[in-house]
N, C-alpha and C. Protein backbone atom coordinates (compact mmCIF):
# COMPACT_ATOMS: atom_id res chain seq x y z
N MET A 1 23.70 18.84 -12.43
CA MET A 1 22.38 18.22 -12.46
C MET A 1 21.85 18.10 -13.83
N LYS A 2 20.98 17.08 -14.08
CA LYS A 2 20.27 16.97 -15.32
C LYS A 2 19.16 17.94 -15.45
N ASP A 3 18.73 18.15 -16.68
CA ASP A 3 17.67 19.28 -16.90
C ASP A 3 16.38 18.91 -16.11
N THR A 4 15.89 17.69 -16.09
CA THR A 4 14.66 17.35 -15.39
C THR A 4 14.87 17.50 -13.85
N THR A 5 16.05 17.11 -13.36
CA THR A 5 16.29 17.27 -11.93
C THR A 5 16.42 18.77 -11.64
N GLU A 6 17.04 19.55 -12.41
CA GLU A 6 17.09 20.96 -12.24
C GLU A 6 15.71 21.66 -12.21
N ASN A 7 14.93 21.28 -13.14
CA ASN A 7 13.57 21.82 -13.20
C ASN A 7 12.75 21.39 -12.00
N GLN A 8 12.86 20.20 -11.60
CA GLN A 8 12.07 19.72 -10.41
C GLN A 8 12.62 20.43 -9.19
N THR A 9 13.85 20.56 -9.03
CA THR A 9 14.44 21.24 -7.87
C THR A 9 13.95 22.71 -7.86
N ALA A 10 14.02 23.46 -8.91
CA ALA A 10 13.51 24.86 -8.94
C ALA A 10 12.05 24.90 -8.69
N VAL A 11 11.27 24.03 -9.30
CA VAL A 11 9.81 24.11 -9.06
C VAL A 11 9.49 23.81 -7.63
N ILE A 12 10.08 22.83 -7.05
CA ILE A 12 9.84 22.53 -5.58
C ILE A 12 10.37 23.67 -4.69
N LEU A 13 11.48 24.21 -5.04
CA LEU A 13 12.02 25.39 -4.22
C LEU A 13 10.95 26.50 -4.26
N ASN A 14 10.45 26.87 -5.47
CA ASN A 14 9.48 27.95 -5.57
C ASN A 14 8.17 27.55 -4.84
N PHE A 15 7.79 26.34 -4.89
CA PHE A 15 6.61 25.88 -4.09
C PHE A 15 6.77 26.07 -2.61
N LEU A 16 7.97 25.75 -2.14
CA LEU A 16 8.23 25.92 -0.76
C LEU A 16 8.35 27.43 -0.36
N LEU A 17 8.94 28.23 -1.22
CA LEU A 17 9.08 29.66 -0.95
C LEU A 17 7.74 30.34 -0.92
N LEU A 18 6.72 29.79 -1.60
CA LEU A 18 5.38 30.32 -1.58
C LEU A 18 4.72 30.10 -0.19
N GLY A 19 5.33 29.35 0.70
CA GLY A 19 4.78 29.05 1.97
C GLY A 19 4.07 27.73 2.06
N CYS A 20 4.21 26.92 1.02
CA CYS A 20 3.56 25.57 0.95
C CYS A 20 4.41 24.50 1.64
N GLU A 21 3.74 23.49 2.07
CA GLU A 21 4.39 22.31 2.65
C GLU A 21 4.29 21.20 1.69
N ILE A 22 5.20 20.19 1.73
CA ILE A 22 5.19 19.07 0.78
C ILE A 22 5.72 17.81 1.42
N THR A 23 5.10 16.68 1.07
CA THR A 23 5.59 15.37 1.35
C THR A 23 5.94 14.64 0.11
N SER A 24 6.58 13.47 0.19
CA SER A 24 6.96 12.72 -0.99
C SER A 24 5.83 12.36 -1.90
N LEU A 25 4.69 12.01 -1.35
CA LEU A 25 3.54 11.62 -2.15
C LEU A 25 3.03 12.85 -2.85
N GLU A 26 3.02 14.07 -2.19
CA GLU A 26 2.56 15.29 -2.89
C GLU A 26 3.58 15.64 -4.02
N ALA A 27 4.84 15.48 -3.73
CA ALA A 27 5.85 15.81 -4.78
C ALA A 27 5.67 14.94 -6.06
N LEU A 28 5.35 13.68 -5.81
CA LEU A 28 5.07 12.74 -6.87
C LEU A 28 3.88 13.16 -7.65
N HIS A 29 2.80 13.57 -6.91
CA HIS A 29 1.50 13.85 -7.46
C HIS A 29 1.61 15.19 -8.26
N TYR A 30 2.12 16.24 -7.65
CA TYR A 30 2.15 17.53 -8.21
C TYR A 30 3.26 17.75 -9.23
N PHE A 31 4.43 17.17 -9.04
CA PHE A 31 5.60 17.48 -9.86
C PHE A 31 6.23 16.28 -10.60
N GLY A 32 5.73 15.05 -10.37
CA GLY A 32 6.27 13.85 -10.98
C GLY A 32 7.63 13.53 -10.40
N CYS A 33 7.84 13.94 -9.17
CA CYS A 33 9.20 13.76 -8.51
C CYS A 33 9.12 12.52 -7.56
N PHE A 34 9.89 11.48 -7.99
CA PHE A 34 9.98 10.29 -7.13
C PHE A 34 10.92 10.46 -5.97
N ASN A 35 11.85 11.36 -6.06
CA ASN A 35 12.94 11.46 -5.05
C ASN A 35 12.97 12.84 -4.39
N LEU A 36 11.98 13.13 -3.62
CA LEU A 36 11.92 14.43 -2.87
C LEU A 36 13.11 14.65 -2.01
N LYS A 37 13.61 13.64 -1.30
CA LYS A 37 14.72 13.75 -0.44
C LYS A 37 15.97 14.27 -1.24
N GLY A 38 16.12 13.74 -2.46
CA GLY A 38 17.23 14.18 -3.30
C GLY A 38 17.06 15.65 -3.71
N ARG A 39 15.87 16.07 -4.02
CA ARG A 39 15.62 17.46 -4.43
C ARG A 39 15.84 18.41 -3.24
N ILE A 40 15.48 17.93 -2.02
CA ILE A 40 15.76 18.75 -0.84
C ILE A 40 17.24 18.90 -0.61
N PHE A 41 18.00 17.81 -0.89
CA PHE A 41 19.42 17.86 -0.77
C PHE A 41 20.00 18.91 -1.79
N ASP A 42 19.44 18.86 -3.06
CA ASP A 42 19.86 19.82 -4.04
C ASP A 42 19.57 21.27 -3.65
N ILE A 43 18.45 21.41 -3.04
CA ILE A 43 18.07 22.83 -2.58
C ILE A 43 19.06 23.33 -1.52
N LYS A 44 19.45 22.45 -0.65
CA LYS A 44 20.44 22.82 0.36
C LYS A 44 21.79 23.10 -0.27
N LYS A 45 22.21 22.23 -1.18
CA LYS A 45 23.53 22.33 -1.80
C LYS A 45 23.70 23.48 -2.78
N PHE A 46 22.73 23.70 -3.66
CA PHE A 46 22.84 24.61 -4.72
C PHE A 46 22.24 26.00 -4.43
N TYR A 47 21.28 26.07 -3.49
CA TYR A 47 20.60 27.30 -3.20
C TYR A 47 20.89 27.83 -1.76
N GLY A 48 21.51 26.97 -0.91
CA GLY A 48 21.87 27.36 0.43
C GLY A 48 20.64 27.54 1.31
N ILE A 49 19.51 26.93 1.02
CA ILE A 49 18.29 27.02 1.79
C ILE A 49 18.08 25.61 2.39
N GLU A 50 17.90 25.60 3.67
CA GLU A 50 17.62 24.35 4.37
C GLU A 50 16.15 24.36 4.85
N PRO A 51 15.31 23.60 4.16
CA PRO A 51 13.95 23.51 4.52
C PRO A 51 13.78 22.89 5.90
N ASP A 52 12.75 23.33 6.63
CA ASP A 52 12.41 22.69 7.91
C ASP A 52 11.75 21.35 7.51
N ARG A 53 11.79 20.42 8.51
CA ARG A 53 11.19 19.10 8.32
C ARG A 53 10.66 18.55 9.57
N LYS A 54 9.67 17.63 9.41
CA LYS A 54 9.07 17.07 10.59
C LYS A 54 8.38 15.72 10.15
N LEU A 55 8.58 14.67 11.00
CA LEU A 55 7.86 13.45 10.64
C LEU A 55 6.40 13.62 11.19
N ILE A 56 5.54 13.30 10.27
CA ILE A 56 4.03 13.40 10.67
C ILE A 56 3.40 12.03 10.49
N PRO A 57 2.47 11.72 11.37
CA PRO A 57 1.70 10.41 11.33
C PRO A 57 0.70 10.46 10.18
N VAL A 58 0.65 9.36 9.38
CA VAL A 58 -0.38 9.31 8.41
C VAL A 58 -1.11 7.96 8.62
N PRO A 59 -2.48 8.04 8.76
CA PRO A 59 -3.23 6.83 9.05
C PRO A 59 -3.18 5.88 7.86
N THR A 60 -3.14 4.61 8.11
CA THR A 60 -3.21 3.56 7.08
C THR A 60 -4.22 2.59 7.53
N LYS A 61 -4.60 1.64 6.66
CA LYS A 61 -5.52 0.58 7.12
C LYS A 61 -4.88 -0.33 8.14
N TYR A 62 -3.59 -0.38 8.29
CA TYR A 62 -2.91 -1.21 9.26
C TYR A 62 -2.42 -0.48 10.46
N GLY A 63 -2.82 0.78 10.61
CA GLY A 63 -2.40 1.60 11.79
C GLY A 63 -2.01 2.93 11.34
N LYS A 64 -0.73 3.26 11.51
CA LYS A 64 -0.22 4.53 11.05
C LYS A 64 1.26 4.41 10.57
N LYS A 65 1.60 5.29 9.65
CA LYS A 65 2.97 5.33 9.09
C LYS A 65 3.43 6.78 9.28
N TYR A 66 4.74 6.94 9.34
CA TYR A 66 5.23 8.31 9.47
C TYR A 66 5.95 8.75 8.15
N VAL A 67 5.64 9.94 7.68
CA VAL A 67 6.32 10.52 6.52
C VAL A 67 6.87 11.88 6.87
N MET A 68 7.89 12.24 6.04
CA MET A 68 8.51 13.49 6.26
C MET A 68 7.77 14.60 5.52
N LYS A 69 7.58 15.73 6.17
CA LYS A 69 6.94 16.89 5.58
C LYS A 69 8.04 18.02 5.58
N TYR A 70 8.20 18.71 4.46
CA TYR A 70 9.13 19.77 4.33
C TYR A 70 8.40 21.17 4.09
N TRP A 71 9.02 22.23 4.62
CA TRP A 71 8.55 23.53 4.41
C TRP A 71 9.70 24.55 4.69
N VAL A 72 9.55 25.79 4.30
CA VAL A 72 10.51 26.82 4.53
C VAL A 72 9.87 27.80 5.44
N SER A 73 10.36 28.01 6.69
CA SER A 73 9.77 28.90 7.63
C SER A 73 10.32 30.31 7.50
N GLN A 74 11.58 30.41 7.12
CA GLN A 74 12.16 31.70 6.97
C GLN A 74 12.80 31.77 5.52
N ILE A 75 12.32 32.78 4.83
CA ILE A 75 12.87 32.95 3.43
C ILE A 75 14.18 33.76 3.55
N PRO A 76 15.24 33.17 3.03
CA PRO A 76 16.55 33.87 3.07
C PRO A 76 16.57 35.10 2.25
N GLN A 77 17.39 36.03 2.54
CA GLN A 77 17.51 37.28 1.68
C GLN A 77 18.11 37.01 0.39
N LYS A 78 19.19 36.17 0.32
CA LYS A 78 19.85 35.87 -0.98
C LYS A 78 20.06 34.41 -1.05
N THR A 79 19.97 33.88 -2.32
CA THR A 79 20.33 32.48 -2.51
C THR A 79 21.65 32.44 -3.28
N LYS A 80 22.26 31.23 -3.27
CA LYS A 80 23.57 31.10 -3.93
C LYS A 80 23.47 31.28 -5.43
N ARG A 81 22.32 30.87 -6.12
CA ARG A 81 22.23 30.92 -7.52
C ARG A 81 21.58 32.23 -7.93
């Protein structure tokens, strides 16, 4: 992984381990991460942690749109790294 990608992945993982939830727009706003799905993939691959996810409805001026929300419900005892 590149340095920026590694940093984003670690920061997002720590955010999730604190019990927080995150969507793509929040990841962009808080961490400058345009590719949350990619960082979630990295968390699974490199840390062995699979965040929970759920599609949630978000109101728009045209009706509603669905976005993915991620969180960690169970903190594993050990990580791969």
